[in-house]
Amino acid sequence: MRPSITTKASLSFAIVASQYNNTYVQPLVEFATAEINELEPGAHVSLVRVPGSFEIPLAVKLVAMQRKFDVILALGVVLQGETAHAELIARSVTGALMNLALEFSVPVIHEVLFLQNEEQAKARCLGTKLNRGIEAARAAVAIARTVKELSSRAN
């Protein structure tokens, strides 16, 4: 009789990231991916790039419709300018991401950062102390594990 080996099903993550302000967004993507791989070896990470933060919710919806990811991470940087445009984008994206998470019952980690200046962007995107990509990955792995646990209890 052979012993049975059960393998832990790996988690699957999608990152939807803005190309706008890529100097700050690309490091978020890299830090998030590295942290996911550190916390959840064998995890599958897919990347979808969109032009700007305003386009993130549509891409998140299309990814969520595939129903093949445990968590979707939304990464972008919106810098405050002289008009209300940045604030309007930030509010719209925030509401849309929450609605999509609820509509598709998939966790969406919201790290579309609305920042006042480049100093804040450097601190939150380029360094490791306040890095929001790392924090997004930690939240993504934690909620993925929680959802799996809750789902297994329901069955």
N, C-alpha and C. Protein backbone atom coordinates (compact mmCIF):
# COMPACT_ATOMS: atom_id res chain seq x y z
N MET A 1 0.85 -1.18 0.00
CA MET A 1 0.00 0.00 0.00
C MET A 1 0.89 1.24 0.00
N ARG A 2 0.64 2.14 -0.93
CA ARG A 2 1.42 3.36 -1.04
C ARG A 2 0.82 4.46 -0.18
N PRO A 3 1.68 5.24 0.48
CA PRO A 3 1.14 6.37 1.24
C PRO A 3 0.63 7.44 0.27
N SER A 4 -0.47 8.05 0.65
CA SER A 4 -1.00 9.11 -0.20
C SER A 4 -0.33 10.43 0.19
N ILE A 5 -0.05 11.19 -0.82
CA ILE A 5 0.58 12.49 -0.60
C ILE A 5 -0.42 13.55 -1.02
N THR A 6 -0.75 14.40 -0.11
CA THR A 6 -1.64 15.49 -0.46
C THR A 6 -0.80 16.75 -0.62
N THR A 7 -1.03 17.43 -1.68
CA THR A 7 -0.30 18.67 -1.92
C THR A 7 -1.20 19.84 -1.59
N LYS A 8 -0.61 20.83 -1.02
CA LYS A 8 -1.34 22.04 -0.68
C LYS A 8 -1.60 22.81 -1.97
N ALA A 9 -2.85 23.08 -2.24
CA ALA A 9 -3.18 23.85 -3.43
C ALA A 9 -2.62 25.25 -3.29
N SER A 10 -1.90 25.68 -4.31
CA SER A 10 -1.31 27.02 -4.22
C SER A 10 -2.37 28.08 -4.52
N LEU A 11 -2.13 29.22 -3.97
CA LEU A 11 -3.04 30.34 -4.16
C LEU A 11 -2.70 31.07 -5.46
N SER A 12 -3.68 31.76 -5.98
CA SER A 12 -3.52 32.48 -7.23
C SER A 12 -3.89 33.95 -7.04
N PHE A 13 -3.00 34.83 -7.46
CA PHE A 13 -3.18 36.26 -7.28
C PHE A 13 -3.09 36.96 -8.63
N ALA A 14 -3.91 37.98 -8.80
CA ALA A 14 -3.80 38.86 -9.97
C ALA A 14 -3.45 40.25 -9.47
N ILE A 15 -2.49 40.85 -10.12
CA ILE A 15 -2.14 42.24 -9.83
C ILE A 15 -2.57 43.07 -11.02
N VAL A 16 -3.41 44.06 -10.76
CA VAL A 16 -3.81 45.01 -11.79
C VAL A 16 -3.12 46.32 -11.43
N ALA A 17 -2.23 46.77 -12.33
CA ALA A 17 -1.39 47.92 -12.01
C ALA A 17 -1.42 48.97 -13.11
N SER A 18 -1.41 50.20 -12.67
CA SER A 18 -1.38 51.34 -13.58
C SER A 18 0.01 51.52 -14.19
N GLN A 19 0.06 51.94 -15.43
CA GLN A 19 1.32 52.30 -16.06
C GLN A 19 1.68 53.76 -15.76
N TYR A 20 0.67 54.55 -15.44
CA TYR A 20 0.90 55.96 -15.15
C TYR A 20 1.64 56.07 -13.81
N ASN A 21 2.56 56.97 -13.70
CA ASN A 21 3.43 57.08 -12.52
C ASN A 21 4.20 55.79 -12.29
N ASN A 22 4.65 55.19 -13.40
CA ASN A 22 5.31 53.89 -13.35
C ASN A 22 6.59 53.89 -12.51
N THR A 23 7.22 55.02 -12.37
CA THR A 23 8.40 55.11 -11.50
C THR A 23 8.07 54.63 -10.10
N TYR A 24 6.84 54.85 -9.67
CA TYR A 24 6.40 54.44 -8.34
C TYR A 24 5.60 53.15 -8.36
N VAL A 25 4.84 52.92 -9.42
CA VAL A 25 3.98 51.73 -9.47
C VAL A 25 4.79 50.46 -9.71
N GLN A 26 5.77 50.50 -10.59
CA GLN A 26 6.55 49.29 -10.88
C GLN A 26 7.22 48.73 -9.62
N PRO A 27 7.83 49.57 -8.76
CA PRO A 27 8.36 49.01 -7.52
C PRO A 27 7.28 48.39 -6.63
N LEU A 28 6.08 48.96 -6.62
CA LEU A 28 4.98 48.36 -5.86
C LEU A 28 4.71 46.94 -6.37
N VAL A 29 4.67 46.80 -7.69
CA VAL A 29 4.44 45.49 -8.30
C VAL A 29 5.55 44.52 -7.90
N GLU A 30 6.78 44.98 -7.99
CA GLU A 30 7.92 44.10 -7.69
C GLU A 30 7.96 43.70 -6.22
N PHE A 31 7.75 44.67 -5.32
CA PHE A 31 7.73 44.35 -3.89
C PHE A 31 6.57 43.42 -3.55
N ALA A 32 5.39 43.67 -4.14
CA ALA A 32 4.22 42.83 -3.86
C ALA A 32 4.46 41.40 -4.35
N THR A 33 4.98 41.26 -5.55
CA THR A 33 5.24 39.93 -6.10
C THR A 33 6.26 39.17 -5.27
N ALA A 34 7.33 39.84 -4.89
CA ALA A 34 8.36 39.19 -4.08
C ALA A 34 7.81 38.75 -2.73
N GLU A 35 6.99 39.60 -2.12
CA GLU A 35 6.43 39.27 -0.79
C GLU A 35 5.44 38.12 -0.89
N ILE A 36 4.62 38.10 -1.93
CA ILE A 36 3.69 36.98 -2.12
C ILE A 36 4.48 35.69 -2.26
N ASN A 37 5.53 35.71 -3.07
CA ASN A 37 6.33 34.51 -3.27
C ASN A 37 7.06 34.09 -2.00
N GLU A 38 7.40 35.04 -1.15
CA GLU A 38 8.04 34.72 0.13
C GLU A 38 7.04 34.08 1.10
N LEU A 39 5.85 34.65 1.17
CA LEU A 39 4.84 34.18 2.12
C LEU A 39 4.11 32.92 1.64
N GLU A 40 4.01 32.77 0.35
CA GLU A 40 3.22 31.67 -0.22
C GLU A 40 3.99 31.06 -1.40
N PRO A 41 5.05 30.32 -1.09
CA PRO A 41 5.85 29.71 -2.17
C PRO A 41 4.95 28.87 -3.08
N GLY A 42 5.16 29.00 -4.36
CA GLY A 42 4.35 28.25 -5.32
C GLY A 42 3.11 28.98 -5.75
N ALA A 43 2.87 30.15 -5.18
CA ALA A 43 1.69 30.93 -5.58
C ALA A 43 1.83 31.36 -7.03
N HIS A 44 0.71 31.47 -7.69
CA HIS A 44 0.68 31.96 -9.06
C HIS A 44 0.34 33.44 -9.03
N VAL A 45 1.15 34.26 -9.68
CA VAL A 45 0.90 35.71 -9.74
C VAL A 45 0.83 36.13 -11.20
N SER A 46 -0.30 36.72 -11.58
CA SER A 46 -0.49 37.25 -12.93
C SER A 46 -0.52 38.77 -12.86
N LEU A 47 0.00 39.41 -13.87
CA LEU A 47 0.05 40.87 -13.91
C LEU A 47 -0.73 41.38 -15.11
N VAL A 48 -1.59 42.35 -14.84
CA VAL A 48 -2.33 43.05 -15.88
C VAL A 48 -1.98 44.52 -15.75
N ARG A 49 -1.52 45.13 -16.84
CA ARG A 49 -1.18 46.56 -16.81
C ARG A 49 -2.26 47.35 -17.54
N VAL A 50 -2.62 48.48 -16.99
CA VAL A 50 -3.61 49.38 -17.60
C VAL A 50 -2.99 50.77 -17.69
N PRO A 51 -3.54 51.65 -18.54
CA PRO A 51 -2.92 52.96 -18.73
C PRO A 51 -2.83 53.81 -17.46
N GLY A 52 -3.92 53.91 -16.72
CA GLY A 52 -3.92 54.76 -15.53
C GLY A 52 -4.78 54.17 -14.43
N SER A 53 -4.82 54.85 -13.31
CA SER A 53 -5.58 54.36 -12.16
C SER A 53 -7.08 54.30 -12.43
N PHE A 54 -7.58 55.22 -13.25
CA PHE A 54 -9.00 55.23 -13.55
C PHE A 54 -9.44 53.96 -14.27
N GLU A 55 -8.53 53.33 -14.99
CA GLU A 55 -8.85 52.11 -15.73
C GLU A 55 -8.73 50.85 -14.88
N ILE A 56 -8.20 50.96 -13.70
CA ILE A 56 -8.01 49.79 -12.85
C ILE A 56 -9.33 49.05 -12.55
N PRO A 57 -10.41 49.74 -12.15
CA PRO A 57 -11.63 48.99 -11.83
C PRO A 57 -12.18 48.14 -12.98
N LEU A 58 -12.11 48.63 -14.21
CA LEU A 58 -12.60 47.83 -15.33
C LEU A 58 -11.76 46.56 -15.48
N ALA A 59 -10.45 46.69 -15.39
CA ALA A 59 -9.59 45.51 -15.50
C ALA A 59 -9.82 44.56 -14.33
N VAL A 60 -10.03 45.10 -13.13
CA VAL A 60 -10.34 44.25 -11.97
C VAL A 60 -11.63 43.48 -12.23
N LYS A 61 -12.61 44.13 -12.79
CA LYS A 61 -13.87 43.45 -13.09
C LYS A 61 -13.67 42.32 -14.09
N LEU A 62 -12.92 42.57 -15.15
CA LEU A 62 -12.67 41.54 -16.16
C LEU A 62 -11.88 40.37 -15.58
N VAL A 63 -10.94 40.66 -14.71
CA VAL A 63 -10.18 39.61 -14.02
C VAL A 63 -11.10 38.83 -13.09
N ALA A 64 -11.92 39.54 -12.33
CA ALA A 64 -12.83 38.88 -11.38
C ALA A 64 -13.83 37.98 -12.11
N MET A 65 -14.26 38.39 -13.28
CA MET A 65 -15.21 37.59 -14.07
C MET A 65 -14.62 36.23 -14.46
N GLN A 66 -13.30 36.13 -14.53
CA GLN A 66 -12.65 34.86 -14.87
C GLN A 66 -12.79 33.83 -13.75
N ARG A 67 -12.98 34.32 -12.53
CA ARG A 67 -13.15 33.46 -11.35
C ARG A 67 -12.02 32.44 -11.17
N LYS A 68 -10.79 32.88 -11.44
CA LYS A 68 -9.67 31.96 -11.26
C LYS A 68 -8.59 32.49 -10.32
N PHE A 69 -8.86 33.61 -9.68
CA PHE A 69 -7.90 34.19 -8.75
C PHE A 69 -8.50 34.26 -7.35
N ASP A 70 -7.66 33.97 -6.37
CA ASP A 70 -8.10 34.03 -4.98
C ASP A 70 -8.19 35.47 -4.49
N VAL A 71 -7.31 36.32 -4.99
CA VAL A 71 -7.27 37.73 -4.59
C VAL A 71 -6.79 38.55 -5.77
N ILE A 72 -7.32 39.77 -5.86
CA ILE A 72 -6.85 40.72 -6.87
C ILE A 72 -6.26 41.92 -6.13
N LEU A 73 -5.06 42.31 -6.52
CA LEU A 73 -4.42 43.49 -5.94
C LEU A 73 -4.49 44.62 -6.96
N ALA A 74 -4.96 45.77 -6.55
CA ALA A 74 -5.03 46.95 -7.40
C ALA A 74 -3.94 47.92 -6.96
N LEU A 75 -2.99 48.19 -7.87
CA LEU A 75 -1.85 49.03 -7.53
C LEU A 75 -1.76 50.23 -8.48
N GLY A 76 -1.69 51.41 -7.88
CA GLY A 76 -1.54 52.63 -8.67
C GLY A 76 -1.14 53.78 -7.78
N VAL A 77 -0.73 54.85 -8.42
CA VAL A 77 -0.34 56.06 -7.68
C VAL A 77 -1.01 57.26 -8.35
N VAL A 78 -1.77 57.99 -7.56
CA VAL A 78 -2.41 59.23 -8.01
C VAL A 78 -1.81 60.35 -7.17
N LEU A 79 -1.16 61.29 -7.85
CA LEU A 79 -0.55 62.42 -7.14
C LEU A 79 -1.45 63.64 -7.23
N GLN A 80 -1.67 64.29 -6.09
CA GLN A 80 -2.51 65.48 -6.03
C GLN A 80 -1.88 66.58 -6.88
N GLY A 81 -2.68 67.18 -7.69
CA GLY A 81 -2.24 68.33 -8.49
C GLY A 81 -2.94 69.58 -8.02
N GLU A 82 -3.04 70.54 -8.91
CA GLU A 82 -3.65 71.83 -8.56
C GLU A 82 -5.17 71.81 -8.69
N THR A 83 -5.73 70.78 -9.31
CA THR A 83 -7.18 70.71 -9.48
C THR A 83 -7.74 69.54 -8.67
N ALA A 84 -9.03 69.36 -8.74
CA ALA A 84 -9.70 68.27 -8.00
C ALA A 84 -9.66 66.95 -8.76
N HIS A 85 -9.04 66.92 -9.92
CA HIS A 85 -9.04 65.73 -10.76
C HIS A 85 -8.52 64.49 -10.02
N ALA A 86 -7.41 64.61 -9.34
CA ALA A 86 -6.83 63.45 -8.64
C ALA A 86 -7.77 62.93 -7.56
N GLU A 87 -8.39 63.82 -6.83
CA GLU A 87 -9.31 63.41 -5.78
C GLU A 87 -10.53 62.71 -6.37
N LEU A 88 -11.02 63.20 -7.50
CA LEU A 88 -12.16 62.56 -8.16
C LEU A 88 -11.81 61.14 -8.60
N ILE A 89 -10.62 60.97 -9.15
CA ILE A 89 -10.17 59.64 -9.56
C ILE A 89 -10.07 58.74 -8.34
N ALA A 90 -9.43 59.22 -7.29
CA ALA A 90 -9.24 58.41 -6.08
C ALA A 90 -10.58 57.94 -5.50
N ARG A 91 -11.53 58.85 -5.41
CA ARG A 91 -12.85 58.48 -4.86
C ARG A 91 -13.57 57.47 -5.76
N SER A 92 -13.52 57.71 -7.06
CA SER A 92 -14.20 56.81 -8.00
C SER A 92 -13.60 55.41 -7.95
N VAL A 93 -12.28 55.33 -7.94
CA VAL A 93 -11.60 54.04 -7.92
C VAL A 93 -11.91 53.30 -6.62
N THR A 94 -11.88 54.01 -5.51
CA THR A 94 -12.15 53.39 -4.21
C THR A 94 -13.54 52.76 -4.17
N GLY A 95 -14.53 53.52 -4.56
CA GLY A 95 -15.90 52.99 -4.55
C GLY A 95 -16.07 51.82 -5.50
N ALA A 96 -15.49 51.93 -6.68
CA ALA A 96 -15.63 50.86 -7.66
C ALA A 96 -14.97 49.58 -7.17
N LEU A 97 -13.79 49.68 -6.58
CA LEU A 97 -13.09 48.47 -6.11
C LEU A 97 -13.87 47.76 -5.01
N MET A 98 -14.45 48.51 -4.09
CA MET A 98 -15.25 47.89 -3.03
C MET A 98 -16.47 47.20 -3.63
N ASN A 99 -17.13 47.86 -4.55
CA ASN A 99 -18.31 47.27 -5.18
C ASN A 99 -17.97 45.99 -5.93
N LEU A 100 -16.83 45.97 -6.61
CA LEU A 100 -16.42 44.78 -7.35
C LEU A 100 -16.10 43.62 -6.42
N ALA A 101 -15.43 43.91 -5.32
CA ALA A 101 -15.12 42.85 -4.35
C ALA A 101 -16.41 42.19 -3.85
N LEU A 102 -17.40 43.01 -3.55
CA LEU A 102 -18.67 42.49 -3.05
C LEU A 102 -19.47 41.78 -4.15
N GLU A 103 -19.46 42.37 -5.34
CA GLU A 103 -20.22 41.78 -6.45
C GLU A 103 -19.70 40.40 -6.84
N PHE A 104 -18.38 40.24 -6.85
CA PHE A 104 -17.79 38.98 -7.31
C PHE A 104 -17.30 38.10 -6.17
N SER A 105 -17.49 38.53 -4.95
CA SER A 105 -17.04 37.77 -3.77
C SER A 105 -15.57 37.37 -3.88
N VAL A 106 -14.76 38.30 -4.31
CA VAL A 106 -13.32 38.09 -4.39
C VAL A 106 -12.65 39.27 -3.68
N PRO A 107 -11.71 39.00 -2.81
CA PRO A 107 -11.02 40.10 -2.15
C PRO A 107 -10.25 40.96 -3.16
N VAL A 108 -10.39 42.26 -3.02
CA VAL A 108 -9.64 43.21 -3.83
C VAL A 108 -8.84 44.07 -2.86
N ILE A 109 -7.54 43.99 -2.97
CA ILE A 109 -6.66 44.78 -2.12
C ILE A 109 -6.45 46.13 -2.80
N HIS A 110 -6.88 47.17 -2.13
CA HIS A 110 -6.87 48.53 -2.69
C HIS A 110 -5.59 49.24 -2.29
N GLU A 111 -4.67 49.31 -3.21
CA GLU A 111 -3.45 50.09 -3.02
C GLU A 111 -3.25 51.04 -4.20
N VAL A 112 -4.34 51.68 -4.56
CA VAL A 112 -4.25 52.80 -5.50
C VAL A 112 -4.07 54.01 -4.60
N LEU A 113 -2.83 54.42 -4.47
CA LEU A 113 -2.46 55.42 -3.48
C LEU A 113 -2.77 56.84 -3.97
N PHE A 114 -3.44 57.59 -3.14
CA PHE A 114 -3.72 59.00 -3.41
C PHE A 114 -2.77 59.79 -2.52
N LEU A 115 -1.73 60.35 -3.13
CA LEU A 115 -0.65 60.97 -2.36
C LEU A 115 -0.53 62.46 -2.69
N GLN A 116 -0.08 63.20 -1.71
CA GLN A 116 0.03 64.64 -1.85
C GLN A 116 1.23 65.08 -2.68
N ASN A 117 2.32 64.29 -2.64
CA ASN A 117 3.53 64.72 -3.33
C ASN A 117 4.46 63.54 -3.60
N GLU A 118 5.53 63.83 -4.30
CA GLU A 118 6.47 62.77 -4.67
C GLU A 118 7.25 62.25 -3.46
N GLU A 119 7.42 63.07 -2.46
CA GLU A 119 8.09 62.62 -1.23
C GLU A 119 7.30 61.46 -0.60
N GLN A 120 5.98 61.62 -0.53
CA GLN A 120 5.14 60.54 0.00
C GLN A 120 5.21 59.32 -0.91
N ALA A 121 5.24 59.53 -2.21
CA ALA A 121 5.32 58.42 -3.16
C ALA A 121 6.62 57.65 -2.98
N LYS A 122 7.71 58.36 -2.83
CA LYS A 122 9.01 57.70 -2.63
C LYS A 122 9.00 56.86 -1.36
N ALA A 123 8.45 57.39 -0.29
CA ALA A 123 8.43 56.68 0.99
C ALA A 123 7.56 55.42 0.92
N ARG A 124 6.46 55.48 0.20
CA ARG A 124 5.50 54.38 0.20
C ARG A 124 5.72 53.38 -0.94
N CYS A 125 6.51 53.76 -1.92
CA CYS A 125 6.68 52.90 -3.09
C CYS A 125 8.12 52.41 -3.30
N LEU A 126 9.09 53.21 -2.93
CA LEU A 126 10.48 52.87 -3.23
C LEU A 126 11.23 52.27 -2.05
N GLY A 127 10.90 52.70 -0.85
CA GLY A 127 11.59 52.19 0.33
C GLY A 127 10.91 50.94 0.88
N THR A 128 11.50 50.38 1.92
CA THR A 128 10.92 49.16 2.51
C THR A 128 10.18 49.42 3.82
N LYS A 129 10.42 50.57 4.44
CA LYS A 129 9.81 50.84 5.75
C LYS A 129 8.29 50.98 5.68
N LEU A 130 7.80 51.76 4.74
CA LEU A 130 6.36 52.00 4.59
C LEU A 130 5.81 51.41 3.29
N ASN A 131 6.50 50.49 2.69
CA ASN A 131 6.17 50.06 1.35
C ASN A 131 4.78 49.44 1.26
N ARG A 132 3.95 50.06 0.44
CA ARG A 132 2.56 49.62 0.31
C ARG A 132 2.42 48.38 -0.57
N GLY A 133 3.40 48.08 -1.41
CA GLY A 133 3.38 46.84 -2.16
C GLY A 133 3.55 45.64 -1.23
N ILE A 134 4.48 45.77 -0.29
CA ILE A 134 4.69 44.71 0.70
C ILE A 134 3.43 44.54 1.55
N GLU A 135 2.87 45.66 2.01
CA GLU A 135 1.66 45.59 2.83
C GLU A 135 0.49 44.99 2.05
N ALA A 136 0.39 45.34 0.77
CA ALA A 136 -0.68 44.79 -0.07
C ALA A 136 -0.55 43.27 -0.18
N ALA A 137 0.68 42.81 -0.38
CA ALA A 137 0.91 41.37 -0.50
C ALA A 137 0.56 40.65 0.80
N ARG A 138 0.96 41.21 1.92
CA ARG A 138 0.65 40.59 3.22
C ARG A 138 -0.86 40.51 3.43
N ALA A 139 -1.55 41.58 3.09
CA ALA A 139 -3.01 41.58 3.23
C ALA A 139 -3.63 40.57 2.27
N ALA A 140 -3.10 40.48 1.06
CA ALA A 140 -3.64 39.56 0.06
C ALA A 140 -3.50 38.11 0.51
N VAL A 141 -2.33 37.75 1.00
CA VAL A 141 -2.11 36.38 1.46
C VAL A 141 -2.99 36.08 2.67
N ALA A 142 -3.08 37.03 3.60
CA ALA A 142 -3.89 36.82 4.80
C ALA A 142 -5.36 36.63 4.45
N ILE A 143 -5.91 37.46 3.59
CA ILE A 143 -7.33 37.34 3.27
C ILE A 143 -7.57 36.09 2.41
N ALA A 144 -6.63 35.72 1.56
CA ALA A 144 -6.79 34.49 0.77
C ALA A 144 -6.88 33.28 1.69
N ARG A 145 -6.02 33.24 2.69
CA ARG A 145 -6.06 32.13 3.65
C ARG A 145 -7.36 32.13 4.44
N THR A 146 -7.81 33.31 4.84
CA THR A 146 -9.06 33.42 5.59
C THR A 146 -10.25 32.96 4.75
N VAL A 147 -10.30 33.39 3.52
CA VAL A 147 -11.41 32.99 2.64
C VAL A 147 -11.39 31.48 2.41
N LYS A 148 -10.21 30.91 2.19
CA LYS A 148 -10.12 29.45 2.01
C LYS A 148 -10.62 28.72 3.25
N GLU A 149 -10.23 29.23 4.41
CA GLU A 149 -10.65 28.61 5.68
C GLU A 149 -12.17 28.69 5.83
N LEU A 150 -12.71 29.86 5.59
CA LEU A 150 -14.17 30.04 5.72
C LEU A 150 -14.92 29.19 4.71
N SER A 151 -14.39 29.09 3.49
CA SER A 151 -15.03 28.27 2.46
C SER A 151 -15.00 26.80 2.82
N SER A 152 -13.90 26.33 3.41
CA SER A 152 -13.81 24.92 3.77
C SER A 152 -14.77 24.59 4.93
N ARG A 153 -15.04 25.55 5.78
CA ARG A 153 -16.00 25.32 6.88
C ARG A 153 -17.42 25.22 6.34
N ALA A 154 -17.70 25.94 5.26
CA ALA A 154 -19.06 25.96 4.71
C ALA A 154 -19.38 24.65 3.99
N ASN A 155 -18.35 23.93 3.58
CA ASN A 155 -18.59 22.69 2.82
C ASN A 155 -18.69 21.49 3.68
